[in-house]
Amino acid sequence: MSNPLLADFATPFDTPPFHLIQPEHFLPAIQFLISEAKKEIEAIKSQPLPGFENTIEALDRSGKKLGVVSAVFFNLNSAETNDQIQKLAREISPLLTEHANDILLDQDLFQRVAQVFDQKDKLNLTPEQRTLLDKTYKSFVRNGAKLNPEQAEELRKIDQQLAQLSLKFGENVLAETNRFVHFVEQENELEGLPEGAKEAAAQIAEEKGQPGKWAFTLDYPSYIPALTYAKNRELRKTLFFAFNTKANKGDELDNQQTIKDIIQLRHRRAQLL
């Protein structure tokens, strides 16, 4: 099966060809691109004495296609998700987290970066090159490159847990957003709303099986005009409260424990680093 994610995007401005991409394309593409990125890292490590071009620039260029495909996937997961994509996210996220850890905790690679960093004042770097070098070095240090093996292993476990918890948090917020709808039956309750916003609300209501009414969701094109223009205080209050208490109602989508778990893990991560 040809995979459009692995081909060059023959589209204006190299935008992703969404009309060709199917959910089943993502996992094999990301697995393949991770293996290709690993080869790029090994090639960097096999170079002779480390320098800016053969280490820092090469590292910056590595994994570019993986970054593009990952960005396409997680944008879809945020904006146009479904059960299949969310299931894929739970498979893909640990792979990407492990890959990132493999790079940032690679002691041989870090030693090359550190050697270049230590001689930066002698390399006659441009301001842009110096910035890239500083950011690269700090990225390694801030993600565990100086930890001992036991600490590094704990960091890996924390990062995997954080990746899963972050997905769960986002899934709950999105599910709450998608299930909320507020119907209005009297047009006089929409005073102040532009005609376009009222027409959109009427269309939403019809799509929800309530023709002749107006409906508002927590999606920005519905939510923002209502809060901005509606003179009906109760309507604004209902929408504002629903928007700002997403996944915080004590039900199956509640994120309170997830937030506590994320905070505890981030705190421990900070202690390690």
Foldseek 3Di string as FASTA:
>chain_A
DDAQLPDQQPDVVSDRPVVPHDLVNQPVVLVVLLVVLVVLLVQLLPDPQAELVSQLVSNVPGSPSSVVSVVVLVVCCQPPNDPSSLVVLLVVLLVVLVSVLCQLQVQSSLVSLVVHVVCVVVRPDDPVSNVSSVVVNVVSVLQANPFDPVLSVVSSVLSNLLSVLVSLLSVLLVVLQVVDKDKAQDPVQQPFQDPVLQVVQQVVCVVVVRHNIGMATLPCSNLVSCCVTGPNPVVVVVNVVSNVCRLPDPDPSNCPVSVVSNVVSVVVSVVSD
